[in-house]
Amino acid sequence: MPTMTRSLPKRYGPVWELVAEETAGGLTVSTFAKRTLRYDVVASKDRFYQHAWSDFHLPQVCGILCHQNSSFKGHKYVLTAALCSWALDPGRRQTAGGEEEQSEGYKGTTRKHAIALAVAELLSNAERRSVKNALHGRFIANRYARITSVSPTFFTELYYPIGGLRTIMRSPTRAWLRKKFSRYRQSIYLSITLAAVEHCHFQAINAGRTLERTSLSKSATLVGIVLAASRNQNAPLAEKVDTYHYRYVAKSLPFLYAAQSIDLPDGRSLLDAMMDGDWKIVNDDAIAARWFGRALYWVQTVIAPQRRSADDELVANSLAGVIPESFDPPAYVSDYRGLVEYIHTKGKLLEFNKREDEFWAANGMTRPQLTSKAVGWPSPAVKGSASQRTGSTAE
């Protein structure tokens, strides 16, 4: 049985009553009613404070978000903010000395700021509607914070457990959060490129090509080659891609890679919306279903035949019941799938390492400069297709 409050505080007892309850798949849906009004609460094993605030439990968060019931107003919106902020800043990262340090996201700071902002936004919108009603002579006597469009469970499950107004007042602005997310652009961009390389390798194998198994070392090497070929960008060192970037977002990469593949009507990708803190778009049922479906497709179908980590297993288990949705790698990588196949052909990587200058010359390209600096973040104008400034790919 979930530990979420089974009944409302006594002061709300005469107002809202628990009228129905159903448990299935580790989740409980409770229905509260007041006269003709009703709302549902979708609860997991732990309360919101345990699975999203003090810690982050991916299976419980995804379980609620994927449930067909919309739960009480604002519940899934706040969980979406928690999931997005965790995906962008999920854990530990390597220091220059090779040791691990905790990022703010690992300690939950980034995630907590996102949750507090989401809660504040919901309250602000509800208060705005109440003020509008009062100005038009439709003032409603307040029972809880003069916000009648927000359920009591919103306060008992979300608002008060995270610290209420005190936490909201101490939280930074959305602009600050966007600036914070921008610090992770390089790691995300390089890791998505690495995932796209492995996606191209999977498609080639699936099409019947005889290639060597992929590895992080080969994929990290190909990140620099592909970026040099498609966007004429300086190539990052392979060991930098693996140690400083991929390993930092590895546990959330399925969500990030899936998000970059979804184009929005306003010209952004879903990943751009996440970086902007635009959780309303991410919380849309149709978009969320596509996002989760593509993340599951990545871990179940693309990466599983090559290598599958405990983090990938966690994502797969968290999205159990979601319908997988296939998709293609981004064009700036897939347009150079010949390079991916070349490096994964037996003996070609050794040949490339020994005769790299000849390789670039044969393909009409200048050997890129290796660098550990940021390679930038693609603007919406160039995310769709690869640059045409370079020559043919290797065969």
Protein backbone atom coordinates (compact mmCIF):
# COMPACT_ATOMS: atom_id res chain seq x y z
CA MET A 1 0.00 0.00 0.00
CA PRO A 2 1.33 3.46 -0.80
CA THR A 3 2.31 5.65 2.10
CA MET A 4 0.66 8.74 0.61
CA THR A 5 -1.89 10.12 3.09
CA ARG A 6 -4.97 7.90 2.94
CA SER A 7 -7.28 10.67 4.15
CA LEU A 8 -7.12 14.42 4.25
CA PRO A 9 -6.41 16.46 7.41
CA LYS A 10 -9.38 16.80 9.79
CA ARG A 11 -10.01 20.41 8.82
CA TYR A 12 -10.75 19.21 5.28
CA GLY A 13 -12.64 16.06 6.32
CA PRO A 14 -16.18 17.47 6.03
CA VAL A 15 -15.28 18.95 2.62
CA TRP A 16 -13.51 16.19 0.65
CA GLU A 17 -14.18 12.49 1.18
CA LEU A 18 -12.36 9.42 -0.10
CA VAL A 19 -14.98 7.67 -2.23
CA ALA A 20 -12.98 5.13 -4.28
CA GLU A 21 -9.61 3.46 -4.34
CA GLU A 22 -7.97 1.04 -6.78
CA THR A 23 -4.48 -0.50 -6.73
CA ALA A 24 -2.72 -2.04 -9.73
CA GLY A 25 0.87 -2.33 -10.94
CA GLY A 26 2.31 -0.83 -7.79
CA LEU A 27 0.23 2.36 -8.09
CA THR A 28 -2.92 3.35 -6.22
CA VAL A 29 -5.58 5.68 -7.63
CA SER A 30 -7.67 7.34 -4.92
CA THR A 31 -10.75 9.40 -5.77
CA PHE A 32 -11.87 12.27 -3.55
CA ALA A 33 -15.28 13.92 -3.90
CA LYS A 34 -17.06 17.02 -2.60
CA ARG A 35 -20.65 17.36 -3.71
CA THR A 36 -20.37 17.21 -7.52
CA LEU A 37 -16.61 17.82 -7.62
CA ARG A 38 -14.06 15.02 -7.89
CA TYR A 39 -10.32 14.62 -8.28
CA ASP A 40 -7.95 11.65 -8.34
CA VAL A 41 -4.59 11.02 -6.73
CA VAL A 42 -2.14 8.61 -8.37
CA ALA A 43 0.24 7.38 -5.67
CA SER A 44 3.30 5.14 -5.75
CA LYS A 45 5.00 3.27 -2.92
CA ASP A 46 6.59 6.40 -1.47
CA ARG A 47 5.31 9.92 -1.14
CA PHE A 48 6.42 12.73 -3.44
CA TYR A 49 8.89 14.00 -0.85
CA GLN A 50 10.75 10.66 -0.89
CA HIS A 51 10.70 9.78 -4.59
CA ALA A 52 11.17 13.23 -6.16
CA TRP A 53 12.39 15.76 -3.60
CA SER A 54 14.81 14.28 -1.07
CA ASP A 55 15.85 11.61 -3.57
CA PHE A 56 14.98 10.72 -7.15
CA HIS A 57 13.42 7.32 -7.81
CA LEU A 58 13.03 6.98 -11.58
CA PRO A 59 10.64 3.97 -11.61
CA GLN A 60 8.14 5.67 -9.28
CA VAL A 61 8.31 9.02 -11.09
CA CYS A 62 7.89 7.44 -14.53
CA GLY A 63 5.20 5.10 -13.22
CA ILE A 64 3.01 8.04 -12.20
CA LEU A 65 3.79 10.06 -15.34
CA CYS A 66 2.94 7.11 -17.60
CA HIS A 67 -0.30 6.27 -15.80
CA GLN A 68 -3.43 6.92 -17.84
CA ASN A 69 -5.03 8.82 -14.96
CA SER A 70 -4.03 12.50 -14.93
CA SER A 71 -3.88 12.63 -11.09
CA PHE A 72 -4.61 15.87 -9.23
CA LYS A 73 -3.97 19.23 -10.86
CA GLY A 74 -0.29 20.06 -11.04
CA HIS A 75 0.97 16.65 -9.87
CA LYS A 76 2.35 15.45 -13.20
CA TYR A 77 3.54 18.95 -14.11
CA VAL A 78 5.78 19.08 -11.03
CA LEU A 79 7.00 15.52 -11.64
CA THR A 80 7.83 16.48 -15.23
CA ALA A 81 9.95 19.37 -13.93
CA ALA A 82 11.73 16.91 -11.62
CA LEU A 83 12.35 14.40 -14.42
CA CYS A 84 13.62 17.02 -16.88
CA SER A 85 16.01 18.59 -14.39
CA TRP A 86 17.32 15.16 -13.39
CA ALA A 87 17.83 14.19 -17.05
CA LEU A 88 19.86 17.35 -17.68
CA ASP A 89 21.93 17.04 -14.49
CA PRO A 90 21.74 13.44 -13.29
CA GLY A 91 24.79 12.64 -11.19
CA ARG A 92 28.50 12.51 -10.62
CA ARG A 93 31.16 13.81 -12.96
CA GLN A 94 34.91 13.35 -13.30
CA THR A 95 37.35 15.98 -12.08
CA ALA A 96 40.52 16.89 -13.96
CA GLY A 97 42.43 14.52 -11.70
CA GLY A 98 40.20 11.60 -12.61
CA GLU A 99 38.34 11.59 -9.30
CA GLU A 100 34.58 11.82 -9.01
CA GLU A 101 32.84 14.79 -7.47
CA GLN A 102 29.19 15.38 -6.76
CA SER A 103 27.44 17.78 -9.08
CA GLU A 104 24.70 19.97 -7.70
CA GLY A 105 22.24 17.76 -9.51
CA TYR A 106 23.51 14.70 -7.66
CA LYS A 107 22.81 16.43 -4.37
CA GLY A 108 19.41 17.37 -5.77
CA THR A 109 19.89 21.14 -5.78
CA THR A 110 19.02 21.64 -9.45
CA ARG A 111 16.07 19.27 -9.23
CA LYS A 112 14.73 20.96 -6.09
CA HIS A 113 14.97 24.39 -7.69
CA ALA A 114 12.99 23.11 -10.68
CA ILE A 115 10.33 21.57 -8.44
CA ALA A 116 9.98 24.75 -6.38
CA LEU A 117 9.60 26.85 -9.54
CA ALA A 118 6.95 24.50 -10.91
CA VAL A 119 4.98 24.60 -7.65
CA ALA A 120 5.24 28.40 -7.52
CA GLU A 121 4.04 28.69 -11.12
CA LEU A 122 0.98 26.54 -10.43
CA LEU A 123 0.07 28.56 -7.35
CA SER A 124 0.59 31.84 -9.19
CA ASN A 125 -1.72 30.79 -12.02
CA ALA A 126 -4.38 29.59 -9.58
CA GLU A 127 -4.17 32.79 -7.55
CA ARG A 128 -4.47 34.84 -10.73
CA ARG A 129 -7.73 33.08 -11.57
CA SER A 130 -9.07 33.64 -8.05
CA VAL A 131 -8.25 37.35 -8.21
CA LYS A 132 -9.99 37.60 -11.56
CA ASN A 133 -13.11 35.96 -10.10
CA ALA A 134 -13.07 38.37 -7.16
CA LEU A 135 -12.82 41.40 -9.45
CA HIS A 136 -15.88 40.17 -11.34
CA GLY A 137 -17.92 39.71 -8.18
CA ARG A 138 -17.44 35.98 -7.99
CA PHE A 139 -15.43 35.92 -4.80
CA ILE A 140 -15.36 32.47 -3.23
CA ALA A 141 -14.83 32.02 0.49
CA ASN A 142 -11.44 30.47 1.03
CA ARG A 143 -10.92 27.11 2.69
CA TYR A 144 -7.26 26.73 1.88
CA ALA A 145 -5.08 29.59 0.71
CA ARG A 146 -7.99 31.17 -1.22
CA ILE A 147 -7.12 28.96 -4.21
CA THR A 148 -10.16 26.82 -4.91
CA SER A 149 -8.82 25.40 -8.21
CA VAL A 150 -5.99 23.64 -6.38
CA SER A 151 -6.82 20.48 -4.45
CA PRO A 152 -5.98 20.01 -0.76
CA THR A 153 -3.67 17.14 -1.80
CA PHE A 154 -1.55 19.61 -3.75
CA PHE A 155 -0.72 21.30 -0.45
CA THR A 156 -0.39 18.19 1.71
CA GLU A 157 1.66 16.24 -0.86
CA LEU A 158 3.68 18.90 -2.71
CA TYR A 159 3.61 22.41 -1.26
CA TYR A 160 4.10 21.89 2.47
CA PRO A 161 6.49 18.89 2.34
CA ILE A 162 9.02 20.81 0.22
CA GLY A 163 8.98 23.73 2.65
CA GLY A 164 6.11 25.88 1.40
CA LEU A 165 6.55 29.59 0.82
CA ARG A 166 9.93 29.64 2.58
CA THR A 167 11.41 27.29 -0.05
CA ILE A 168 9.78 29.13 -2.94
CA MET A 169 11.08 32.50 -1.74
CA ARG A 170 14.62 31.12 -1.50
CA SER A 171 14.56 29.48 -4.94
CA PRO A 172 16.28 31.15 -7.90
CA THR A 173 14.47 32.41 -10.96
CA ARG A 174 13.70 30.46 -14.12
CA ALA A 175 16.34 32.55 -15.92
CA TRP A 176 18.90 31.36 -13.38
CA LEU A 177 17.82 27.77 -13.95
CA ARG A 178 18.17 28.13 -17.72
CA LYS A 179 21.66 29.51 -17.21
CA LYS A 180 22.45 26.56 -14.96
CA PHE A 181 21.22 24.08 -17.58
CA SER A 182 23.37 25.79 -20.21
CA ARG A 183 26.47 24.63 -18.29
CA TYR A 184 25.70 21.08 -19.37
CA ARG A 185 25.24 21.81 -23.08
CA GLN A 186 28.65 20.52 -24.13
CA SER A 187 28.28 17.22 -22.26
CA ILE A 188 24.78 16.72 -23.64
CA TYR A 189 25.71 17.64 -27.22
CA LEU A 190 28.74 15.34 -27.35
CA SER A 191 26.90 12.49 -25.65
CA ILE A 192 23.96 12.76 -28.04
CA THR A 193 26.40 12.65 -30.94
CA LEU A 194 27.93 9.51 -29.45
CA ALA A 195 24.47 7.95 -29.12
CA ALA A 196 23.71 8.84 -32.75
CA VAL A 197 26.93 7.14 -33.86
CA GLU A 198 25.85 3.97 -32.08
CA HIS A 199 22.38 4.33 -33.59
CA CYS A 200 23.91 4.41 -37.10
CA HIS A 201 25.96 1.33 -36.25
CA PHE A 202 22.80 -0.50 -35.13
CA GLN A 203 20.98 0.42 -38.36
CA ALA A 204 23.91 -0.84 -40.44
CA ILE A 205 23.97 -4.16 -38.58
CA ASN A 206 20.21 -4.40 -38.90
CA ALA A 207 20.55 -3.86 -42.66
CA GLY A 208 22.92 -6.81 -42.94
CA ARG A 209 26.33 -5.11 -42.90
CA THR A 210 29.16 -7.12 -41.34
CA LEU A 211 30.75 -4.82 -38.78
CA GLU A 212 32.68 -5.15 -35.56
CA ARG A 213 30.86 -4.59 -32.29
CA THR A 214 30.70 -1.01 -31.19
CA SER A 215 32.45 0.23 -28.06
CA LEU A 216 32.66 3.46 -26.12
CA SER A 217 36.23 3.93 -27.36
CA LYS A 218 35.27 3.66 -31.03
CA SER A 219 32.12 5.71 -30.60
CA ALA A 220 34.00 8.46 -28.75
CA THR A 221 36.62 8.54 -31.53
CA LEU A 222 33.87 8.82 -34.13
CA VAL A 223 32.27 11.78 -32.33
CA GLY A 224 35.25 13.94 -33.31
CA ILE A 225 35.44 12.54 -36.84
CA VAL A 226 31.74 13.07 -37.52
CA LEU A 227 31.66 16.59 -36.08
CA ALA A 228 34.72 17.52 -38.13
CA ALA A 229 33.11 16.10 -41.27
CA SER A 230 29.56 17.37 -40.83
CA ARG A 231 30.05 20.74 -39.14
CA ASN A 232 33.73 21.52 -39.66
CA GLN A 233 34.14 21.72 -35.90
CA ASN A 234 37.29 21.01 -33.94
CA ALA A 235 37.27 17.40 -32.83
CA PRO A 236 37.21 16.74 -29.08
CA LEU A 237 39.66 14.21 -27.73
CA ALA A 238 38.09 10.75 -27.54
CA GLU A 239 39.05 10.30 -23.90
CA LYS A 240 37.45 13.66 -23.07
CA VAL A 241 34.18 12.61 -24.71
CA ASP A 242 34.07 9.41 -22.65
CA THR A 243 35.41 10.54 -19.28
CA TYR A 244 34.21 14.12 -19.00
CA HIS A 245 30.96 14.11 -20.96
CA TYR A 246 29.36 10.75 -21.70
CA ARG A 247 29.86 9.33 -18.22
CA TYR A 248 28.25 12.39 -16.69
CA VAL A 249 24.91 11.96 -18.50
CA ALA A 250 25.06 8.22 -19.25
CA LYS A 251 22.23 7.30 -16.88
CA SER A 252 19.84 9.83 -18.44
CA LEU A 253 21.13 9.68 -22.04
CA PRO A 254 18.14 7.64 -23.32
CA PHE A 255 15.84 10.52 -22.30
CA LEU A 256 18.16 13.19 -23.73
CA TYR A 257 18.73 11.39 -27.03
CA ALA A 258 15.01 10.74 -27.46
CA ALA A 259 14.20 14.37 -26.63
CA GLN A 260 16.54 15.77 -29.30
CA SER A 261 14.74 13.68 -31.94
CA ILE A 262 11.34 15.29 -31.32
CA ASP A 263 10.69 18.50 -33.25
CA LEU A 264 8.20 21.02 -31.88
CA PRO A 265 5.98 23.36 -33.92
CA ASP A 266 7.93 26.42 -32.73
CA GLY A 267 11.17 25.16 -34.33
CA ARG A 268 12.77 23.88 -31.15
CA SER A 269 13.41 20.29 -30.24
CA LEU A 270 11.95 18.80 -27.08
CA LEU A 271 15.45 18.92 -25.64
CA ASP A 272 15.55 22.68 -26.27
CA ALA A 273 12.25 23.02 -24.38
CA MET A 274 13.72 21.08 -21.47
CA MET A 275 16.79 23.33 -21.44
CA ASP A 276 14.44 26.35 -21.42
CA GLY A 277 12.50 24.96 -18.46
CA ASP A 278 9.37 24.81 -20.63
CA TRP A 279 7.75 21.92 -18.78
CA LYS A 280 4.24 22.63 -20.05
CA ILE A 281 5.21 21.37 -23.50
CA VAL A 282 7.04 18.36 -22.11
CA ASN A 283 4.00 17.55 -19.95
CA ASP A 284 1.70 17.30 -23.00
CA ASP A 285 0.31 13.74 -23.09
CA ALA A 286 1.06 13.10 -26.78
CA ILE A 287 4.59 14.52 -26.58
CA ALA A 288 5.36 12.68 -23.34
CA ALA A 289 4.17 9.38 -24.86
CA ARG A 290 6.47 9.89 -27.85
CA TRP A 291 9.36 10.89 -25.60
CA PHE A 292 9.04 7.85 -23.36
CA GLY A 293 8.44 5.56 -26.33
CA ARG A 294 11.62 6.67 -28.06
CA ALA A 295 13.68 6.45 -24.87
CA LEU A 296 12.46 2.87 -24.40
CA TYR A 297 13.20 2.02 -28.04
CA TRP A 298 16.77 3.22 -27.55
CA VAL A 299 17.50 1.03 -24.52
CA GLN A 300 15.51 -2.01 -25.63
CA THR A 301 16.30 -2.19 -29.33
CA VAL A 302 19.30 -0.05 -30.27
CA ILE A 303 21.78 -0.35 -27.43
CA ALA A 304 20.78 -3.72 -25.94
CA PRO A 305 22.40 -5.87 -28.68
CA GLN A 306 25.76 -4.10 -28.17
CA ARG A 307 26.00 -3.27 -24.50
CA ARG A 308 23.48 -2.54 -21.80
CA SER A 309 24.34 -1.08 -18.43
CA ALA A 310 22.48 -1.16 -15.14
CA ASP A 311 21.36 2.41 -15.88
CA ASP A 312 19.80 1.25 -19.16
CA GLU A 313 18.05 -1.59 -17.35
CA LEU A 314 16.66 0.93 -14.87
CA VAL A 315 15.25 3.06 -17.69
CA ALA A 316 13.73 -0.01 -19.38
CA ASN A 317 12.09 -1.13 -16.14
CA SER A 318 10.86 2.39 -15.39
CA LEU A 319 9.13 2.60 -18.77
CA ALA A 320 7.62 -0.89 -18.67
CA GLY A 321 4.22 -0.76 -20.34
CA VAL A 322 5.19 2.10 -22.67
CA ILE A 323 4.90 1.40 -26.39
CA PRO A 324 8.37 1.75 -28.00
CA GLU A 325 8.61 4.16 -30.94
CA SER A 326 11.40 3.86 -33.49
CA PHE A 327 13.20 6.92 -34.82
CA ASP A 328 16.28 7.79 -36.87
CA PRO A 329 19.56 9.39 -35.77
CA PRO A 330 19.99 13.12 -36.47
CA ALA A 331 21.00 13.99 -40.03
CA TYR A 332 24.28 15.65 -39.05
CA VAL A 333 25.44 12.17 -38.01
CA SER A 334 23.43 9.86 -40.28
CA ASP A 335 24.62 11.72 -43.39
CA TYR A 336 28.07 10.40 -42.48
CA ARG A 337 27.12 6.86 -41.60
CA GLY A 338 29.81 5.74 -44.09
CA LEU A 339 32.41 6.96 -41.60
CA VAL A 340 30.75 4.95 -38.85
CA GLU A 341 30.76 1.80 -40.97
CA TYR A 342 34.36 2.40 -42.07
CA ILE A 343 35.71 2.61 -38.50
CA HIS A 344 33.74 -0.52 -37.53
CA THR A 345 35.10 -2.55 -40.44
CA LYS A 346 37.73 -5.05 -39.30
CA GLY A 347 41.21 -3.55 -39.32
CA LYS A 348 40.11 -0.09 -40.44
CA LEU A 349 40.50 1.61 -37.05
CA LEU A 350 44.14 0.52 -36.87
CA GLU A 351 44.65 1.68 -40.44
CA PHE A 352 43.00 4.99 -39.60
CA ASN A 353 45.28 5.51 -36.60
CA LYS A 354 48.40 4.81 -38.69
CA ARG A 355 47.42 6.71 -41.84
CA GLU A 356 45.03 9.38 -40.58
CA ASP A 357 46.29 12.15 -42.87
CA GLU A 358 45.69 9.96 -45.93
CA PHE A 359 42.19 9.17 -44.69
CA TRP A 360 41.17 12.82 -44.45
CA ALA A 361 42.79 13.66 -47.80
CA ALA A 362 41.02 10.77 -49.54
CA ASN A 363 37.69 12.10 -48.31
CA GLY A 364 38.35 15.71 -49.27
CA MET A 365 38.68 16.94 -45.70
CA THR A 366 41.33 18.64 -43.65
CA ARG A 367 42.47 16.75 -40.59
CA PRO A 368 40.67 18.37 -37.64
CA GLN A 369 42.48 19.90 -34.71
CA LEU A 370 42.02 17.92 -31.52
CA THR A 371 40.83 20.01 -28.60
CA SER A 372 39.33 19.58 -25.17
CA LYS A 373 37.36 22.83 -25.48
CA ALA A 374 33.61 23.08 -25.94
CA VAL A 375 32.38 22.42 -29.45
CA GLY A 376 29.27 24.49 -29.00
CA TRP A 377 25.56 23.79 -29.20
CA PRO A 378 23.75 23.50 -32.56
CA SER A 379 21.28 26.27 -33.26
CA PRO A 380 17.77 25.32 -34.48
CA ALA A 381 18.82 26.36 -37.99
CA VAL A 382 21.45 23.63 -38.29
CA LYS A 383 19.98 20.81 -36.23
CA GLY A 384 18.12 19.23 -39.11
CA SER A 385 20.82 18.43 -41.66
CA ALA A 386 24.55 18.08 -41.93
CA SER A 387 26.81 20.67 -43.46
CA GLN A 388 27.48 20.17 -47.15
CA ARG A 389 30.86 21.85 -47.09
CA THR A 390 32.77 18.53 -46.99
CA GLY A 391 33.32 15.72 -49.47
CA SER A 392 32.28 12.08 -49.65
CA THR A 393 32.39 9.58 -46.81
CA ALA A 394 34.72 6.64 -46.58
CA GLU A 395 33.68 3.31 -47.97
